[in-house]
């Protein structure tokens, strides 16, 4: 696998297992539209990631992540769906990367709140559990859940959600709040952040760490992903955030 492709693959953690039991339902406080830019690093490979969130003023949203290395786009992730009291409800997720056909996940929702999940690649269907997220929407959903409940900002609090990948896999991601930390700036100052961690459950599972910004609706200041058996972790560090 080319280094650039390996880096973008780790930007969206993989999942495994089939959705079954329901998880807690959370109140989510989604932010206004925004644009955020991150430095991206994986070992010696460096680039940038541009993340945009665009609600349409009604009940729909569009979330995109463009990743570039040496000025060339190497991946484009897109999540589109509807907005609800519980936050983001994806309807379609598209994973596009250089040198590879696009892969998609479709969330078929019925009026009763159930439905199924289908894929452009694997000829399988999964049940659609409440609160399920795709490989891009989960990070904004996590921020919105934490922002919506002060009790979930305390050390030891837990947030769980289903995350689905375009390979036809799904798993529960449970994040544990570690408390407040000071993320260092280039000028030596520390910026307050709320640290959360998802530890791997089994061999070849993915470890995730996220630092959320209490001063900006708990949008991420930094996020890292590392899969067991792989090399360096992907590290995203926010450079800029603007409200639209």
C-alpha atoms as a PDB file:
ATOM      1  CA  UNK A   1       0.000   0.000   0.000  1.00  0.00           C
ATOM      2  CA  UNK A   2       1.341   3.449  -0.923  1.00  0.00           C
ATOM      3  CA  UNK A   3       2.209   5.655   2.081  1.00  0.00           C
ATOM      4  CA  UNK A   4      -0.377   8.282   1.112  1.00  0.00           C
ATOM      5  CA  UNK A   5      -3.131   5.691   0.782  1.00  0.00           C
ATOM      6  CA  UNK A   6      -2.141   4.138   4.100  1.00  0.00           C
ATOM      7  CA  UNK A   7      -2.356   7.512   5.788  1.00  0.00           C
ATOM      8  CA  UNK A   8      -5.839   8.286   4.538  1.00  0.00           C
ATOM      9  CA  UNK A   9      -7.040   4.786   5.362  1.00  0.00           C
ATOM     10  CA  UNK A  10      -6.264   5.446   9.012  1.00  0.00           C
ATOM     11  CA  UNK A  11      -8.154   8.745   8.983  1.00  0.00           C
ATOM     12  CA  UNK A  12     -11.386   6.767   9.266  1.00  0.00           C
ATOM     13  CA  UNK A  13     -11.155   3.889  11.717  1.00  0.00           C
ATOM     14  CA  UNK A  14     -12.326   0.497  10.582  1.00  0.00           C
ATOM     15  CA  UNK A  15     -14.929  -1.577  12.417  1.00  0.00           C
ATOM     16  CA  UNK A  16     -15.869  -5.190  12.844  1.00  0.00           C
ATOM     17  CA  UNK A  17     -18.865  -7.176  14.123  1.00  0.00           C
ATOM     18  CA  UNK A  18     -22.577  -7.030  13.323  1.00  0.00           C
ATOM     19  CA  UNK A  19     -24.953  -4.545  14.983  1.00  0.00           C
ATOM     20  CA  UNK A  20     -27.218  -6.221  17.545  1.00  0.00           C
ATOM     21  CA  UNK A  21     -28.053  -4.760  20.988  1.00  0.00           C
ATOM     22  CA  UNK A  22     -29.228  -1.126  21.277  1.00  0.00           C
ATOM     23  CA  UNK A  23     -26.978   1.472  22.885  1.00  0.00           C
ATOM     24  CA  UNK A  24     -27.828   4.451  25.115  1.00  0.00           C
ATOM     25  CA  UNK A  25     -29.553   7.355  23.379  1.00  0.00           C
ATOM     26  CA  UNK A  26     -27.929  10.745  23.824  1.00  0.00           C
ATOM     27  CA  UNK A  27     -28.990  14.333  23.368  1.00  0.00           C
ATOM     28  CA  UNK A  28     -26.712  15.963  20.790  1.00  0.00           C
ATOM     29  CA  UNK A  29     -26.016  19.689  20.385  1.00  0.00           C
ATOM     30  CA  UNK A  30     -24.751  20.133  16.842  1.00  0.00           C
ATOM     31  CA  UNK A  31     -22.640  23.233  16.127  1.00  0.00           C
ATOM     32  CA  UNK A  32     -23.248  25.920  13.499  1.00  0.00           C
ATOM     33  CA  UNK A  33     -21.735  25.378  10.036  1.00  0.00           C
ATOM     34  CA  UNK A  34     -17.934  25.416  10.145  1.00  0.00           C
ATOM     35  CA  UNK A  35     -14.694  24.917   8.256  1.00  0.00           C
ATOM     36  CA  UNK A  36     -11.684  23.410  10.030  1.00  0.00           C
ATOM     37  CA  UNK A  37      -8.160  22.745   8.826  1.00  0.00           C
ATOM     38  CA  UNK A  38      -5.864  20.129  10.365  1.00  0.00           C
ATOM     39  CA  UNK A  39      -2.239  19.197  10.011  1.00  0.00           C
ATOM     40  CA  UNK A  40      -2.059  15.503   9.181  1.00  0.00           C
ATOM     41  CA  UNK A  41       0.966  13.367   9.982  1.00  0.00           C
ATOM     42  CA  UNK A  42       1.725   9.672   9.793  1.00  0.00           C
ATOM     43  CA  UNK A  43       5.346   8.946  10.565  1.00  0.00           C
ATOM     44  CA  UNK A  44       7.383  11.006   8.098  1.00  0.00           C
ATOM     45  CA  UNK A  45       4.385  11.674   5.839  1.00  0.00           C
ATOM     46  CA  UNK A  46       2.717  15.066   6.303  1.00  0.00           C
ATOM     47  CA  UNK A  47      -0.238  16.825   4.713  1.00  0.00           C
ATOM     48  CA  UNK A  48      -3.430  18.638   5.580  1.00  0.00           C
ATOM     49  CA  UNK A  49      -7.094  17.771   6.032  1.00  0.00           C
ATOM     50  CA  UNK A  50      -9.964  20.194   5.441  1.00  0.00           C
ATOM     51  CA  UNK A  51     -13.200  19.378   7.269  1.00  0.00           C
ATOM     52  CA  UNK A  52     -16.495  21.151   6.521  1.00  0.00           C
ATOM     53  CA  UNK A  53     -19.963  20.840   8.038  1.00  0.00           C
ATOM     54  CA  UNK A  54     -22.903  22.283   6.118  1.00  0.00           C
ATOM     55  CA  UNK A  55     -26.479  21.953   7.393  1.00  0.00           C
ATOM     56  CA  UNK A  56     -29.004  23.158   4.815  1.00  0.00           C
ATOM     57  CA  UNK A  57     -31.097  25.220   7.233  1.00  0.00           C
ATOM     58  CA  UNK A  58     -33.719  22.475   7.368  1.00  0.00           C
ATOM     59  CA  UNK A  59     -33.230  18.892   8.401  1.00  0.00           C
ATOM     60  CA  UNK A  60     -30.327  17.846   6.149  1.00  0.00           C
ATOM     61  CA  UNK A  61     -26.546  18.059   6.449  1.00  0.00           C
ATOM     62  CA  UNK A  62     -23.401  17.511   4.401  1.00  0.00           C
ATOM     63  CA  UNK A  63     -20.055  16.692   6.036  1.00  0.00           C
ATOM     64  CA  UNK A  64     -16.826  16.434   4.028  1.00  0.00           C
ATOM     65  CA  UNK A  65     -13.161  15.695   4.691  1.00  0.00           C
ATOM     66  CA  UNK A  66     -10.600  16.423   1.962  1.00  0.00           C
ATOM     67  CA  UNK A  67      -7.070  15.176   2.613  1.00  0.00           C
ATOM     68  CA  UNK A  68      -4.034  16.424   0.677  1.00  0.00           C
ATOM     69  CA  UNK A  69      -0.379  15.463   0.641  1.00  0.00           C
ATOM     70  CA  UNK A  70       2.112  17.686  -1.197  1.00  0.00           C
ATOM     71  CA  UNK A  71      -0.835  19.703  -2.472  1.00  0.00           C
ATOM     72  CA  UNK A  72      -2.566  16.748  -4.142  1.00  0.00           C
ATOM     73  CA  UNK A  73      -5.883  15.416  -2.927  1.00  0.00           C
ATOM     74  CA  UNK A  74      -5.575  11.778  -1.920  1.00  0.00           C
ATOM     75  CA  UNK A  75      -8.962  11.220  -0.307  1.00  0.00           C
ATOM     76  CA  UNK A  76     -12.419  12.721  -0.140  1.00  0.00           C
ATOM     77  CA  UNK A  77     -14.885  11.422   2.430  1.00  0.00           C
ATOM     78  CA  UNK A  78     -18.485  12.613   2.358  1.00  0.00           C
ATOM     79  CA  UNK A  79     -21.406  11.976   4.716  1.00  0.00           C
ATOM     80  CA  UNK A  80     -24.912  13.191   3.905  1.00  0.00           C
ATOM     81  CA  UNK A  81     -28.030  12.694   5.943  1.00  0.00           C
ATOM     82  CA  UNK A  82     -30.669  14.176   8.162  1.00  0.00           C
ATOM     83  CA  UNK A  83     -30.643  16.058  11.460  1.00  0.00           C
ATOM     84  CA  UNK A  84     -32.604  14.899  14.493  1.00  0.00           C
ATOM     85  CA  UNK A  85     -32.785  15.536  18.239  1.00  0.00           C
ATOM     86  CA  UNK A  86     -30.205  12.773  18.674  1.00  0.00           C
ATOM     87  CA  UNK A  87     -27.808  14.446  16.204  1.00  0.00           C
ATOM     88  CA  UNK A  88     -26.630  13.148  12.844  1.00  0.00           C
ATOM     89  CA  UNK A  89     -28.538  10.402  11.048  1.00  0.00           C
ATOM     90  CA  UNK A  90     -26.470   9.441   7.984  1.00  0.00           C
ATOM     91  CA  UNK A  91     -28.252   8.429   4.793  1.00  0.00           C
ATOM     92  CA  UNK A  92     -25.237   7.964   2.512  1.00  0.00           C
ATOM     93  CA  UNK A  93     -21.481   7.833   3.033  1.00  0.00           C
ATOM     94  CA  UNK A  94     -18.964   7.930   0.168  1.00  0.00           C
ATOM     95  CA  UNK A  95     -15.265   7.077   0.486  1.00  0.00           C
ATOM     96  CA  UNK A  96     -13.237   8.268  -2.508  1.00  0.00           C
ATOM     97  CA  UNK A  97      -9.466   7.805  -2.713  1.00  0.00           C
ATOM     98  CA  UNK A  98      -6.934   8.248  -5.491  1.00  0.00           C
ATOM     99  CA  UNK A  99      -6.410   5.144  -7.591  1.00  0.00           C
ATOM    100  CA  UNK A 100      -9.494   3.335  -6.306  1.00  0.00           C
ATOM    101  CA  UNK A 101     -13.196   3.180  -7.095  1.00  0.00           C
ATOM    102  CA  UNK A 102     -15.490   5.012  -4.726  1.00  0.00           C
ATOM    103  CA  UNK A 103     -17.105   2.953  -1.999  1.00  0.00           C
ATOM    104  CA  UNK A 104     -20.456   3.829  -0.494  1.00  0.00           C
ATOM    105  CA  UNK A 105     -22.685   2.966   2.447  1.00  0.00           C
ATOM    106  CA  UNK A 106     -26.453   3.524   2.254  1.00  0.00           C
ATOM    107  CA  UNK A 107     -28.561   3.844   5.387  1.00  0.00           C
ATOM    108  CA  UNK A 108     -32.112   2.811   4.463  1.00  0.00           C
ATOM    109  CA  UNK A 109     -34.338   4.259   7.188  1.00  0.00           C
ATOM    110  CA  UNK A 110     -38.019   3.416   7.515  1.00  0.00           C
ATOM    111  CA  UNK A 111     -40.789   5.415   9.161  1.00  0.00           C
ATOM    112  CA  UNK A 112     -40.708   3.261  12.288  1.00  0.00           C
ATOM    113  CA  UNK A 113     -37.086   4.230  12.976  1.00  0.00           C
ATOM    114  CA  UNK A 114     -35.559   0.955  11.823  1.00  0.00           C
ATOM    115  CA  UNK A 115     -34.266  -0.115   8.437  1.00  0.00           C
ATOM    116  CA  UNK A 116     -31.099  -1.643   7.064  1.00  0.00           C
ATOM    117  CA  UNK A 117     -27.614  -0.719   5.827  1.00  0.00           C
ATOM    118  CA  UNK A 118     -26.392  -1.670   2.344  1.00  0.00           C
ATOM    119  CA  UNK A 119     -23.027  -1.295   0.620  1.00  0.00           C
ATOM    120  CA  UNK A 120     -21.734  -0.607  -2.881  1.00  0.00           C
ATOM    121  CA  UNK A 121     -19.141  -3.373  -2.474  1.00  0.00           C
ATOM    122  CA  UNK A 122     -20.124  -6.274  -0.197  1.00  0.00           C
ATOM    123  CA  UNK A 123     -23.422  -7.888  -1.202  1.00  0.00           C
ATOM    124  CA  UNK A 124     -24.695  -7.923   2.362  1.00  0.00           C
ATOM    125  CA  UNK A 125     -27.132  -5.981   4.501  1.00  0.00           C
ATOM    126  CA  UNK A 126     -26.906  -5.090   8.173  1.00  0.00           C
ATOM    127  CA  UNK A 127     -29.692  -4.028  10.510  1.00  0.00           C
ATOM    128  CA  UNK A 128     -29.782  -0.298  11.153  1.00  0.00           C
ATOM    129  CA  UNK A 129     -29.410   0.374  14.907  1.00  0.00           C
ATOM    130  CA  UNK A 130     -30.396   3.681  16.478  1.00  0.00           C
ATOM    131  CA  UNK A 131     -27.574   6.224  16.570  1.00  0.00           C
ATOM    132  CA  UNK A 132     -25.411   4.447  13.969  1.00  0.00           C
ATOM    133  CA  UNK A 133     -22.689   6.565  12.333  1.00  0.00           C
ATOM    134  CA  UNK A 134     -20.423   6.275   9.305  1.00  0.00           C
ATOM    135  CA  UNK A 135     -16.648   6.577   9.101  1.00  0.00           C
ATOM    136  CA  UNK A 136     -16.792  10.354   8.916  1.00  0.00           C
ATOM    137  CA  UNK A 137     -19.876  11.415  10.877  1.00  0.00           C
ATOM    138  CA  UNK A 138     -18.860   9.701  14.125  1.00  0.00           C
ATOM    139  CA  UNK A 139     -16.339  12.390  15.074  1.00  0.00           C
ATOM    140  CA  UNK A 140     -18.819  15.260  14.788  1.00  0.00           C
ATOM    141  CA  UNK A 141     -21.491  13.158  16.488  1.00  0.00           C
ATOM    142  CA  UNK A 142     -19.125  12.474  19.392  1.00  0.00           C
ATOM    143  CA  UNK A 143     -18.446  16.203  19.798  1.00  0.00           C
ATOM    144  CA  UNK A 144     -22.176  17.006  19.662  1.00  0.00           C
ATOM    145  CA  UNK A 145     -23.036  14.367  22.283  1.00  0.00           C
ATOM    146  CA  UNK A 146     -20.366  15.599  24.689  1.00  0.00           C
ATOM    147  CA  UNK A 147     -21.372  19.227  24.095  1.00  0.00           C
ATOM    148  CA  UNK A 148     -25.009  18.400  24.817  1.00  0.00           C
ATOM    149  CA  UNK A 149     -24.536  16.886  28.285  1.00  0.00           C
ATOM    150  CA  UNK A 150     -22.196  18.301  30.971  1.00  0.00           C
ATOM    151  CA  UNK A 151     -22.316  14.933  32.749  1.00  0.00           C
ATOM    152  CA  UNK A 152     -20.500  13.406  29.775  1.00  0.00           C
ATOM    153  CA  UNK A 153     -17.662  15.901  30.209  1.00  0.00           C
ATOM    154  CA  UNK A 154     -16.603  14.406  33.554  1.00  0.00           C
ATOM    155  CA  UNK A 155     -13.726  11.998  34.032  1.00  0.00           C
ATOM    156  CA  UNK A 156     -14.886   8.407  33.624  1.00  0.00           C
ATOM    157  CA  UNK A 157     -17.985   9.227  31.545  1.00  0.00           C
ATOM    158  CA  UNK A 158     -18.594   6.918  28.564  1.00  0.00           C
ATOM    159  CA  UNK A 159     -20.103   7.480  25.119  1.00  0.00           C
ATOM    160  CA  UNK A 160     -20.902   4.527  22.828  1.00  0.00           C
ATOM    161  CA  UNK A 161     -22.063   4.401  19.225  1.00  0.00           C
ATOM    162  CA  UNK A 162     -22.179   2.028  16.267  1.00  0.00           C
ATOM    163  CA  UNK A 163     -19.712   2.854  13.467  1.00  0.00           C
ATOM    164  CA  UNK A 164     -20.027   1.286  10.004  1.00  0.00           C
ATOM    165  CA  UNK A 165     -17.307   0.950   7.351  1.00  0.00           C
ATOM    166  CA  UNK A 166     -17.796   0.540   3.577  1.00  0.00           C
ATOM    167  CA  UNK A 167     -16.301  -2.951   3.837  1.00  0.00           C
ATOM    168  CA  UNK A 168     -19.579  -4.131   5.316  1.00  0.00           C
ATOM    169  CA  UNK A 169     -18.397  -4.137   8.935  1.00  0.00           C
ATOM    170  CA  UNK A 170     -19.754  -2.478  12.060  1.00  0.00           C
ATOM    171  CA  UNK A 171     -18.705  -2.263  15.667  1.00  0.00           C
ATOM    172  CA  UNK A 172     -19.411  -0.394  18.871  1.00  0.00           C
ATOM    173  CA  UNK A 173     -16.986   2.409  19.625  1.00  0.00           C
ATOM    174  CA  UNK A 174     -16.971   3.303  23.334  1.00  0.00           C
ATOM    175  CA  UNK A 175     -15.082   6.433  24.351  1.00  0.00           C
ATOM    176  CA  UNK A 176     -14.040   7.040  27.961  1.00  0.00           C
ATOM    177  CA  UNK A 177     -13.439  10.601  29.172  1.00  0.00           C
ATOM    178  CA  UNK A 178     -10.012  10.971  30.728  1.00  0.00           C
ATOM    179  CA  UNK A 179     -10.438  14.540  31.937  1.00  0.00           C
ATOM    180  CA  UNK A 180      -8.979  17.922  31.030  1.00  0.00           C
ATOM    181  CA  UNK A 181      -5.523  18.259  29.503  1.00  0.00           C
ATOM    182  CA  UNK A 182      -3.482  21.154  28.140  1.00  0.00           C
ATOM    183  CA  UNK A 183      -2.509  20.668  24.506  1.00  0.00           C
ATOM    184  CA  UNK A 184       0.740  22.506  23.727  1.00  0.00           C
ATOM    185  CA  UNK A 185       0.837  25.262  21.096  1.00  0.00           C
ATOM    186  CA  UNK A 186       3.838  26.116  18.950  1.00  0.00           C
ATOM    187  CA  UNK A 187       4.295  29.207  21.135  1.00  0.00           C
ATOM    188  CA  UNK A 188       4.572  27.001  24.221  1.00  0.00           C
ATOM    189  CA  UNK A 189       1.163  27.822  25.672  1.00  0.00           C
ATOM    190  CA  UNK A 190      -1.284  25.088  26.603  1.00  0.00           C
ATOM    191  CA  UNK A 191      -4.849  24.975  25.272  1.00  0.00           C
ATOM    192  CA  UNK A 192      -7.475  23.328  27.503  1.00  0.00           C
ATOM    193  CA  UNK A 193      -8.917  20.165  25.960  1.00  0.00           C
ATOM    194  CA  UNK A 194     -11.146  17.297  27.040  1.00  0.00           C
ATOM    195  CA  UNK A 195      -9.398  13.979  26.400  1.00  0.00           C
ATOM    196  CA  UNK A 196     -11.302  10.840  25.356  1.00  0.00           C
ATOM    197  CA  UNK A 197      -9.947   7.430  24.475  1.00  0.00           C
ATOM    198  CA  UNK A 198     -11.204   4.285  22.813  1.00  0.00           C
ATOM    199  CA  UNK A 199      -8.894   1.398  23.699  1.00  0.00           C
ATOM    200  CA  UNK A 200      -8.675  -1.637  21.378  1.00  0.00           C
ATOM    201  CA  UNK A 201     -10.895  -4.520  22.434  1.00  0.00           C
ATOM    202  CA  UNK A 202      -9.005  -7.295  20.654  1.00  0.00           C
ATOM    203  CA  UNK A 203      -6.089  -8.056  18.344  1.00  0.00           C
ATOM    204  CA  UNK A 204      -5.904  -5.842  15.242  1.00  0.00           C
ATOM    205  CA  UNK A 205      -8.526  -3.508  16.685  1.00  0.00           C
ATOM    206  CA  UNK A 206      -8.107   0.277  16.478  1.00  0.00           C
ATOM    207  CA  UNK A 207      -7.070   2.615  19.275  1.00  0.00           C
ATOM    208  CA  UNK A 208      -8.503   6.136  19.068  1.00  0.00           C
ATOM    209  CA  UNK A 209      -7.681   9.244  21.072  1.00  0.00           C
ATOM    210  CA  UNK A 210      -9.555  12.530  20.712  1.00  0.00           C
ATOM    211  CA  UNK A 211      -9.039  15.922  22.365  1.00  0.00           C
ATOM    212  CA  UNK A 212     -12.151  18.100  22.234  1.00  0.00           C
ATOM    213  CA  UNK A 213     -12.236  21.897  22.513  1.00  0.00           C
ATOM    214  CA  UNK A 214     -14.547  23.176  25.300  1.00  0.00           C
ATOM    215  CA  UNK A 215     -14.209  26.717  23.899  1.00  0.00           C
ATOM    216  CA  UNK A 216     -15.513  25.737  20.442  1.00  0.00           C
ATOM    217  CA  UNK A 217     -18.527  23.471  20.967  1.00  0.00           C
ATOM    218  CA  UNK A 218     -16.216  20.527  21.743  1.00  0.00           C
ATOM    219  CA  UNK A 219     -15.056  20.204  18.138  1.00  0.00           C
ATOM    220  CA  UNK A 220     -11.774  18.259  17.984  1.00  0.00           C
ATOM    221  CA  UNK A 221      -8.459  19.989  18.553  1.00  0.00           C
ATOM    222  CA  UNK A 222      -6.535  16.797  17.925  1.00  0.00           C
ATOM    223  CA  UNK A 223      -7.301  13.182  17.057  1.00  0.00           C
ATOM    224  CA  UNK A 224      -5.090  10.131  16.561  1.00  0.00           C
ATOM    225  CA  UNK A 225      -5.769   6.616  15.270  1.00  0.00           C
ATOM    226  CA  UNK A 226      -3.552   3.564  15.520  1.00  0.00           C
ATOM    227  CA  UNK A 227      -4.422  -0.009  14.511  1.00  0.00           C
ATOM    228  CA  UNK A 228      -2.705  -2.993  16.058  1.00  0.00           C
ATOM    229  CA  UNK A 229      -0.118  -4.467  13.705  1.00  0.00           C
ATOM    230  CA  UNK A 230       0.366  -1.193  11.789  1.00  0.00           C
ATOM    231  CA  UNK A 231       3.161   1.351  11.954  1.00  0.00           C
ATOM    232  CA  UNK A 232       2.890   5.000  12.977  1.00  0.00           C
ATOM    233  CA  UNK A 233      -0.438   6.450  14.045  1.00  0.00           C
ATOM    234  CA  UNK A 234      -2.222   9.123  12.063  1.00  0.00           C
ATOM    235  CA  UNK A 235      -2.199  12.397  13.982  1.00  0.00           C
ATOM    236  CA  UNK A 236      -4.583  15.263  13.134  1.00  0.00           C
ATOM    237  CA  UNK A 237      -3.936  18.629  14.810  1.00  0.00           C
ATOM    238  CA  UNK A 238      -6.276  21.543  14.245  1.00  0.00           C
ATOM    239  CA  UNK A 239      -4.723  24.645  12.737  1.00  0.00           C
ATOM    240  CA  UNK A 240      -7.806  26.784  12.143  1.00  0.00           C
ATOM    241  CA  UNK A 241     -11.545  26.849  12.743  1.00  0.00           C
ATOM    242  CA  UNK A 242     -14.044  29.292  11.286  1.00  0.00           C
ATOM    243  CA  UNK A 243     -17.811  29.463  11.638  1.00  0.00           C
ATOM    244  CA  UNK A 244     -19.697  29.875   8.386  1.00  0.00           C
END
